[in-house]
Amino acid sequence: MEVYYDLHIHSCLSPCGDGDMTPANIAGMAAVKGLDVIAVTDHNSCKNCEAAMAAGAEYGVLVIPGMEICTAEEIHAVCLFPGLSEAMDFDRLVHDALPPVKNRPDIFGEQQIYDCRDRICGEEPYLLINACSISFDGLWELVRERDGVMFPAHIDKTANSLISSLGQIPPDSRFAAAEVKDLTRLHQLRREHPYLEKCRIVSNSDAHYLEYIKEPELTLPVPEKTIRAVLDVLCGRE
């Protein structure tokens, strides 16, 4: 079967996320648009994943718990996990690796945590858009230890991407998927970076506003609509 997806969405926990990006609103908009599978991937945190998964169950949308990590090199990568326990274990690891810099909501924006009834139940005090001390080189193994999948985010962007930060894709990389924002550049990217020839290419919204959540245009082939099936495809195990 083919499932419509958007695997890179920010909630209002990300300081750059709009206040309307509550977990329930995200799941509801995904359902209205006709998406089958989404992932909530806030900057350096998974703390709104539980509420998003609960909302997704209500709307019939499969929600994968995830995070967009900012590594020590300031490379953004999407990390997805098979369940909430694995995601929150990784959340604790990343939280401890963040610099203890307090958020300034008046400058950077609120970092709101929601409960399963879509009510604010807390705020993240540390600024989540900072780089953590985890290196890109070590990230794959840390995610795989939790049975998850990692892929570099928006590799075609000129900031906070694997290519813009390192100038290349390391030949000893282990990821089997990569995110490209502008698919019209895919042929050029593959020509310049042959590693991408063996990767499954995904394109997500990176939405910070409800209206920017992806339309049902791109699909992933999965044997069933489950988190494990999606992760297997992104790992190259389909």
C-alpha atoms as a PDB file:
ATOM      1  CA  MET A   1       0.000   0.000   0.000  1.00  0.00           C
ATOM      2  CA  GLU A   2       1.022   3.613  -0.457  1.00  0.00           C
ATOM      3  CA  VAL A   3       0.655   6.128   2.373  1.00  0.00           C
ATOM      4  CA  TYR A   4       0.678   9.918   2.087  1.00  0.00           C
ATOM      5  CA  TYR A   5       3.202  11.341   4.531  1.00  0.00           C
ATOM      6  CA  ASP A   6       4.728  14.418   6.118  1.00  0.00           C
ATOM      7  CA  LEU A   7       7.542  13.370   8.442  1.00  0.00           C
ATOM      8  CA  HIS A   8       8.863  16.765   9.564  1.00  0.00           C
ATOM      9  CA  ILE A   9       6.367  18.974  11.416  1.00  0.00           C
ATOM     10  CA  HIS A  10       6.990  21.380  14.302  1.00  0.00           C
ATOM     11  CA  SER A  11       4.543  21.988  17.106  1.00  0.00           C
ATOM     12  CA  CYS A  12       4.286  25.016  19.368  1.00  0.00           C
ATOM     13  CA  LEU A  13       7.012  23.426  21.505  1.00  0.00           C
ATOM     14  CA  SER A  14       9.516  24.667  18.935  1.00  0.00           C
ATOM     15  CA  PRO A  15      10.104  28.365  19.677  1.00  0.00           C
ATOM     16  CA  CYS A  16       9.713  29.138  15.977  1.00  0.00           C
ATOM     17  CA  GLY A  17       6.430  27.176  15.792  1.00  0.00           C
ATOM     18  CA  ASP A  18       3.184  29.106  15.573  1.00  0.00           C
ATOM     19  CA  GLY A  19       0.919  29.112  18.615  1.00  0.00           C
ATOM     20  CA  ASP A  20      -1.795  27.351  16.594  1.00  0.00           C
ATOM     21  CA  MET A  21       0.496  24.335  16.111  1.00  0.00           C
ATOM     22  CA  THR A  22      -0.975  22.397  19.014  1.00  0.00           C
ATOM     23  CA  PRO A  23      -0.798  18.598  18.826  1.00  0.00           C
ATOM     24  CA  ALA A  24      -4.546  18.270  18.184  1.00  0.00           C
ATOM     25  CA  ASN A  25      -4.546  21.010  15.544  1.00  0.00           C
ATOM     26  CA  ILE A  26      -1.655  19.340  13.735  1.00  0.00           C
ATOM     27  CA  ALA A  27      -3.385  15.943  13.696  1.00  0.00           C
ATOM     28  CA  GLY A  28      -6.666  17.545  12.663  1.00  0.00           C
ATOM     29  CA  MET A  29      -5.113  19.466   9.792  1.00  0.00           C
ATOM     30  CA  ALA A  30      -3.297  16.335   8.618  1.00  0.00           C
ATOM     31  CA  ALA A  31      -6.620  14.485   8.575  1.00  0.00           C
ATOM     32  CA  VAL A  32      -8.362  17.307   6.700  1.00  0.00           C
ATOM     33  CA  LYS A  33      -5.598  17.323   4.092  1.00  0.00           C
ATOM     34  CA  GLY A  34      -5.781  13.549   3.673  1.00  0.00           C
ATOM     35  CA  LEU A  35      -2.392  12.537   5.069  1.00  0.00           C
ATOM     36  CA  ASP A  36      -1.977   9.010   6.401  1.00  0.00           C
ATOM     37  CA  VAL A  37       1.269   9.343   8.358  1.00  0.00           C
ATOM     38  CA  ILE A  38       2.943  12.315  10.004  1.00  0.00           C
ATOM     39  CA  ALA A  39       5.779  12.870  12.451  1.00  0.00           C
ATOM     40  CA  VAL A  40       5.984  15.616  15.051  1.00  0.00           C
ATOM     41  CA  THR A  41       9.640  16.650  15.135  1.00  0.00           C
ATOM     42  CA  ASP A  42      10.295  19.618  17.373  1.00  0.00           C
ATOM     43  CA  HIS A  43      13.727  21.127  17.779  1.00  0.00           C
ATOM     44  CA  ASN A  44      15.727  19.008  20.236  1.00  0.00           C
ATOM     45  CA  SER A  45      12.626  17.731  22.052  1.00  0.00           C
ATOM     46  CA  CYS A  46       9.986  14.989  21.911  1.00  0.00           C
ATOM     47  CA  LYS A  47       7.835  16.361  24.723  1.00  0.00           C
ATOM     48  CA  ASN A  48       4.730  17.004  22.573  1.00  0.00           C
ATOM     49  CA  CYS A  49       4.822  13.585  20.914  1.00  0.00           C
ATOM     50  CA  GLU A  50       2.552  11.858  23.424  1.00  0.00           C
ATOM     51  CA  ALA A  51      -0.216  14.432  22.928  1.00  0.00           C
ATOM     52  CA  ALA A  52       0.241  14.321  19.149  1.00  0.00           C
ATOM     53  CA  MET A  53       0.008  10.527  19.073  1.00  0.00           C
ATOM     54  CA  ALA A  54      -3.176  10.622  21.136  1.00  0.00           C
ATOM     55  CA  ALA A  55      -4.684  13.243  18.822  1.00  0.00           C
ATOM     56  CA  GLY A  56      -3.649  11.246  15.769  1.00  0.00           C
ATOM     57  CA  ALA A  57      -5.446   8.184  17.110  1.00  0.00           C
ATOM     58  CA  GLU A  58      -8.620  10.273  17.387  1.00  0.00           C
ATOM     59  CA  TYR A  59      -8.335  11.546  13.823  1.00  0.00           C
ATOM     60  CA  GLY A  60      -7.171   8.320  12.194  1.00  0.00           C
ATOM     61  CA  VAL A  61      -3.712   9.698  11.395  1.00  0.00           C
ATOM     62  CA  LEU A  62      -0.634   7.647  12.294  1.00  0.00           C
ATOM     63  CA  VAL A  63       1.729   9.889  14.279  1.00  0.00           C
ATOM     64  CA  ILE A  64       5.371   8.876  14.597  1.00  0.00           C
ATOM     65  CA  PRO A  65       7.216  10.316  17.617  1.00  0.00           C
ATOM     66  CA  GLY A  66      10.302  12.198  16.553  1.00  0.00           C
ATOM     67  CA  MET A  67      12.680  15.106  16.880  1.00  0.00           C
ATOM     68  CA  GLU A  68      14.678  17.447  14.677  1.00  0.00           C
ATOM     69  CA  ILE A  69      18.015  17.446  16.423  1.00  0.00           C
ATOM     70  CA  CYS A  70      20.637  20.149  15.994  1.00  0.00           C
ATOM     71  CA  THR A  71      24.004  18.428  16.300  1.00  0.00           C
ATOM     72  CA  ALA A  72      27.264  19.866  17.597  1.00  0.00           C
ATOM     73  CA  GLU A  73      28.111  20.851  14.005  1.00  0.00           C
ATOM     74  CA  GLU A  74      24.717  22.638  13.741  1.00  0.00           C
ATOM     75  CA  ILE A  75      23.466  20.003  11.308  1.00  0.00           C
ATOM     76  CA  HIS A  76      19.733  19.336  11.467  1.00  0.00           C
ATOM     77  CA  ALA A  77      18.603  15.720  11.313  1.00  0.00           C
ATOM     78  CA  VAL A  78      15.200  14.094  11.727  1.00  0.00           C
ATOM     79  CA  CYS A  79      15.104  11.255  14.253  1.00  0.00           C
ATOM     80  CA  LEU A  80      12.053   8.952  14.340  1.00  0.00           C
ATOM     81  CA  PHE A  81      11.253   6.264  16.903  1.00  0.00           C
ATOM     82  CA  PRO A  82       9.038   3.157  17.063  1.00  0.00           C
ATOM     83  CA  GLY A  83       7.296   4.230  20.251  1.00  0.00           C
ATOM     84  CA  LEU A  84       6.945   6.919  22.873  1.00  0.00           C
ATOM     85  CA  SER A  85       9.264   5.253  25.398  1.00  0.00           C
ATOM     86  CA  GLU A  86      12.164   5.189  22.938  1.00  0.00           C
ATOM     87  CA  ALA A  87      11.471   8.779  21.896  1.00  0.00           C
ATOM     88  CA  MET A  88      11.407  10.040  25.482  1.00  0.00           C
ATOM     89  CA  ASP A  89      14.582   8.147  26.336  1.00  0.00           C
ATOM     90  CA  PHE A  90      16.271   9.968  23.460  1.00  0.00           C
ATOM     91  CA  ASP A  91      14.649  13.214  24.604  1.00  0.00           C
ATOM     92  CA  ARG A  92      16.382  12.871  27.993  1.00  0.00           C
ATOM     93  CA  LEU A  93      19.709  12.214  26.291  1.00  0.00           C
ATOM     94  CA  VAL A  94      19.426  15.317  24.106  1.00  0.00           C
ATOM     95  CA  HIS A  95      18.132  17.462  26.970  1.00  0.00           C
ATOM     96  CA  ASP A  96      21.276  16.676  28.955  1.00  0.00           C
ATOM     97  CA  ALA A  97      23.392  17.518  25.897  1.00  0.00           C
ATOM     98  CA  LEU A  98      21.869  20.990  25.435  1.00  0.00           C
ATOM     99  CA  PRO A  99      23.621  24.076  26.801  1.00  0.00           C
ATOM    100  CA  PRO A 100      21.734  25.334  29.886  1.00  0.00           C
ATOM    101  CA  VAL A 101      20.656  28.559  28.194  1.00  0.00           C
ATOM    102  CA  LYS A 102      17.264  29.832  29.300  1.00  0.00           C
ATOM    103  CA  ASN A 103      14.703  30.595  26.610  1.00  0.00           C
ATOM    104  CA  ARG A 104      13.660  34.200  26.114  1.00  0.00           C
ATOM    105  CA  PRO A 105      10.035  33.898  24.931  1.00  0.00           C
ATOM    106  CA  ASP A 106       9.926  37.601  24.114  1.00  0.00           C
ATOM    107  CA  ILE A 107      12.766  37.089  21.632  1.00  0.00           C
ATOM    108  CA  PHE A 108      12.608  33.475  20.465  1.00  0.00           C
ATOM    109  CA  GLY A 109       8.981  32.482  21.144  1.00  0.00           C
ATOM    110  CA  GLU A 110       7.106  30.248  23.559  1.00  0.00           C
ATOM    111  CA  GLN A 111       8.063  26.584  24.042  1.00  0.00           C
ATOM    112  CA  GLN A 112       4.751  25.078  25.137  1.00  0.00           C
ATOM    113  CA  ILE A 113       4.151  21.481  26.220  1.00  0.00           C
ATOM    114  CA  TYR A 114       0.629  20.087  25.788  1.00  0.00           C
ATOM    115  CA  ASP A 115      -1.244  17.248  27.441  1.00  0.00           C
ATOM    116  CA  CYS A 116      -3.459  14.704  25.695  1.00  0.00           C
ATOM    117  CA  ARG A 117      -6.485  16.998  26.023  1.00  0.00           C
ATOM    118  CA  ASP A 118      -4.640  19.699  24.092  1.00  0.00           C
ATOM    119  CA  ARG A 119      -4.128  21.888  27.133  1.00  0.00           C
ATOM    120  CA  ILE A 120      -0.873  23.623  28.048  1.00  0.00           C
ATOM    121  CA  CYS A 121       0.706  21.654  30.887  1.00  0.00           C
ATOM    122  CA  GLY A 122       4.196  23.165  30.942  1.00  0.00           C
ATOM    123  CA  GLU A 123       6.976  24.978  29.132  1.00  0.00           C
ATOM    124  CA  GLU A 124      10.496  23.917  28.226  1.00  0.00           C
ATOM    125  CA  PRO A 125      12.877  26.332  29.997  1.00  0.00           C
ATOM    126  CA  TYR A 126      16.014  25.674  27.918  1.00  0.00           C
ATOM    127  CA  LEU A 127      16.256  27.281  24.476  1.00  0.00           C
ATOM    128  CA  LEU A 128      15.647  24.404  22.082  1.00  0.00           C
ATOM    129  CA  ILE A 129      17.138  25.857  18.906  1.00  0.00           C
ATOM    130  CA  ASN A 130      20.713  25.676  20.207  1.00  0.00           C
ATOM    131  CA  ALA A 131      23.151  23.017  19.050  1.00  0.00           C
ATOM    132  CA  CYS A 132      23.573  20.108  21.446  1.00  0.00           C
ATOM    133  CA  SER A 133      26.878  18.357  22.138  1.00  0.00           C
ATOM    134  CA  ILE A 134      25.980  15.208  20.152  1.00  0.00           C
ATOM    135  CA  SER A 135      27.965  14.915  16.920  1.00  0.00           C
ATOM    136  CA  PHE A 136      26.441  13.997  13.587  1.00  0.00           C
ATOM    137  CA  ASP A 137      28.945  11.158  13.323  1.00  0.00           C
ATOM    138  CA  GLY A 138      27.674   9.570  16.523  1.00  0.00           C
ATOM    139  CA  LEU A 139      23.980  10.254  15.968  1.00  0.00           C
ATOM    140  CA  TRP A 140      23.126   7.219  13.848  1.00  0.00           C
ATOM    141  CA  GLU A 141      24.222   4.753  16.515  1.00  0.00           C
ATOM    142  CA  LEU A 142      22.419   6.607  19.313  1.00  0.00           C
ATOM    143  CA  VAL A 143      19.170   6.498  17.339  1.00  0.00           C
ATOM    144  CA  ARG A 144      19.596   2.867  16.287  1.00  0.00           C
ATOM    145  CA  GLU A 145      20.208   1.876  19.928  1.00  0.00           C
ATOM    146  CA  ARG A 146      16.607   2.998  20.456  1.00  0.00           C
ATOM    147  CA  ASP A 147      15.407   1.099  17.377  1.00  0.00           C
ATOM    148  CA  GLY A 148      14.834   4.372  15.507  1.00  0.00           C
ATOM    149  CA  VAL A 149      15.773   5.924  12.202  1.00  0.00           C
ATOM    150  CA  MET A 150      17.747   9.073  11.444  1.00  0.00           C
ATOM    151  CA  PHE A 151      18.002  11.007   8.195  1.00  0.00           C
ATOM    152  CA  PRO A 152      19.630  14.377   7.453  1.00  0.00           C
ATOM    153  CA  ALA A 153      17.101  17.185   7.122  1.00  0.00           C
ATOM    154  CA  HIS A 154      16.688  19.512   4.126  1.00  0.00           C
ATOM    155  CA  ILE A 155      20.104  18.675   2.658  1.00  0.00           C
ATOM    156  CA  ASP A 156      19.577  21.212  -0.118  1.00  0.00           C
ATOM    157  CA  LYS A 157      19.319  24.189   2.235  1.00  0.00           C
ATOM    158  CA  THR A 158      22.191  26.633   2.596  1.00  0.00           C
ATOM    159  CA  ALA A 159      22.116  26.560   6.403  1.00  0.00           C
ATOM    160  CA  ASN A 160      21.893  23.827   9.047  1.00  0.00           C
ATOM    161  CA  SER A 161      22.133  21.035   6.495  1.00  0.00           C
ATOM    162  CA  LEU A 162      24.644  18.202   6.210  1.00  0.00           C
ATOM    163  CA  ILE A 163      26.023  19.463   2.909  1.00  0.00           C
ATOM    164  CA  SER A 164      26.172  23.153   3.850  1.00  0.00           C
ATOM    165  CA  SER A 165      27.914  22.346   7.146  1.00  0.00           C
ATOM    166  CA  LEU A 166      30.410  19.701   5.999  1.00  0.00           C
ATOM    167  CA  GLY A 167      30.605  20.476   2.291  1.00  0.00           C
ATOM    168  CA  GLN A 168      29.968  16.843   1.430  1.00  0.00           C
ATOM    169  CA  ILE A 169      28.209  13.672   2.486  1.00  0.00           C
ATOM    170  CA  PRO A 170      30.792  11.581   4.361  1.00  0.00           C
ATOM    171  CA  PRO A 171      31.332   8.337   2.422  1.00  0.00           C
ATOM    172  CA  ASP A 172      31.150   6.291   5.629  1.00  0.00           C
ATOM    173  CA  SER A 173      27.658   7.601   6.458  1.00  0.00           C
ATOM    174  CA  ARG A 174      25.089   4.995   7.472  1.00  0.00           C
ATOM    175  CA  PHE A 175      21.730   6.655   6.829  1.00  0.00           C
ATOM    176  CA  ALA A 176      19.514   5.144   4.128  1.00  0.00           C
ATOM    177  CA  ALA A 177      17.162   8.091   3.596  1.00  0.00           C
ATOM    178  CA  ALA A 178      17.613  11.826   3.101  1.00  0.00           C
ATOM    179  CA  GLU A 179      15.262  14.788   3.045  1.00  0.00           C
ATOM    180  CA  VAL A 180      15.242  17.157   0.066  1.00  0.00           C
ATOM    181  CA  LYS A 181      13.105  20.281   0.228  1.00  0.00           C
ATOM    182  CA  ASP A 182      13.162  21.163  -3.472  1.00  0.00           C
ATOM    183  CA  LEU A 183      12.829  17.969  -5.498  1.00  0.00           C
ATOM    184  CA  THR A 184      13.652  19.787  -8.727  1.00  0.00           C
ATOM    185  CA  ARG A 185      17.252  19.807  -7.475  1.00  0.00           C
ATOM    186  CA  LEU A 186      17.394  16.062  -6.845  1.00  0.00           C
ATOM    187  CA  HIS A 187      19.149  15.147 -10.101  1.00  0.00           C
ATOM    188  CA  GLN A 188      21.869  17.729  -9.479  1.00  0.00           C
ATOM    189  CA  LEU A 189      22.278  16.670  -5.869  1.00  0.00           C
ATOM    190  CA  ARG A 190      22.681  13.030  -6.862  1.00  0.00           C
ATOM    191  CA  ARG A 191      25.235  13.972  -9.484  1.00  0.00           C
ATOM    192  CA  GLU A 192      27.244  16.015  -6.974  1.00  0.00           C
ATOM    193  CA  HIS A 193      26.783  13.564  -4.089  1.00  0.00           C
ATOM    194  CA  PRO A 194      26.645   9.962  -5.387  1.00  0.00           C
ATOM    195  CA  TYR A 195      25.881   8.654  -1.883  1.00  0.00           C
ATOM    196  CA  LEU A 196      22.303   9.821  -2.458  1.00  0.00           C
ATOM    197  CA  GLU A 197      21.848   7.270  -5.244  1.00  0.00           C
ATOM    198  CA  LYS A 198      21.378   4.568  -2.609  1.00  0.00           C
ATOM    199  CA  CYS A 199      19.089   6.652  -0.397  1.00  0.00           C
ATOM    200  CA  ARG A 200      15.319   6.833  -0.278  1.00  0.00           C
ATOM    201  CA  ILE A 201      14.535  10.498  -0.833  1.00  0.00           C
ATOM    202  CA  VAL A 202      11.710  12.047   1.153  1.00  0.00           C
ATOM    203  CA  SER A 203      10.339  15.572   0.974  1.00  0.00           C
ATOM    204  CA  ASN A 204       8.505  17.021   3.949  1.00  0.00           C
ATOM    205  CA  SER A 205       6.968  20.342   4.889  1.00  0.00           C
ATOM    206  CA  ASP A 206       9.128  21.328   7.887  1.00  0.00           C
ATOM    207  CA  ALA A 207       5.904  23.142   8.772  1.00  0.00           C
ATOM    208  CA  HIS A 208       5.815  25.731  11.529  1.00  0.00           C
ATOM    209  CA  TYR A 209       2.286  26.871  10.572  1.00  0.00           C
ATOM    210  CA  LEU A 210      -0.810  24.743  10.051  1.00  0.00           C
ATOM    211  CA  GLU A 211      -1.372  25.841   6.469  1.00  0.00           C
ATOM    212  CA  TYR A 212       2.131  24.680   5.485  1.00  0.00           C
ATOM    213  CA  ILE A 213       1.593  21.057   6.475  1.00  0.00           C
ATOM    214  CA  LYS A 214       2.153  19.074   3.305  1.00  0.00           C
ATOM    215  CA  GLU A 215      -0.625  18.285   0.852  1.00  0.00           C
ATOM    216  CA  PRO A 216      -1.151  14.579   0.003  1.00  0.00           C
ATOM    217  CA  GLU A 217       1.257  14.469  -2.939  1.00  0.00           C
ATOM    218  CA  LEU A 218       4.078  12.062  -2.068  1.00  0.00           C
ATOM    219  CA  THR A 219       3.777   8.502  -0.806  1.00  0.00           C
ATOM    220  CA  LEU A 220       5.816   5.771   0.832  1.00  0.00           C
ATOM    221  CA  PRO A 221       5.280   2.091  -0.054  1.00  0.00           C
ATOM    222  CA  VAL A 222       4.543   0.098   3.092  1.00  0.00           C
ATOM    223  CA  PRO A 223       3.028  -3.348   3.693  1.00  0.00           C
ATOM    224  CA  GLU A 224       0.817  -1.895   6.440  1.00  0.00           C
ATOM    225  CA  LYS A 225       0.061   1.431   8.076  1.00  0.00           C
ATOM    226  CA  THR A 226       2.272   1.075  11.144  1.00  0.00           C
ATOM    227  CA  ILE A 227       5.208   2.994  12.561  1.00  0.00           C
ATOM    228  CA  ARG A 228       7.441  -0.060  12.204  1.00  0.00           C
ATOM    229  CA  ALA A 229       6.606  -0.408   8.522  1.00  0.00           C
ATOM    230  CA  VAL A 230       7.449   3.246   7.849  1.00  0.00           C
ATOM    231  CA  LEU A 231      10.739   3.024   9.756  1.00  0.00           C
ATOM    232  CA  ASP A 232      11.675  -0.135   7.863  1.00  0.00           C
ATOM    233  CA  VAL A 233      11.203   1.671   4.551  1.00  0.00           C
ATOM    234  CA  LEU A 234      13.402   4.544   5.730  1.00  0.00           C
ATOM    235  CA  CYS A 235      16.036   2.047   6.880  1.00  0.00           C
ATOM    236  CA  GLY A 236      16.051   0.327   3.507  1.00  0.00           C
ATOM    237  CA  ARG A 237      14.535  -2.850   4.943  1.00  0.00           C
ATOM    238  CA  GLU A 238      11.287  -2.844   2.946  1.00  0.00           C
END
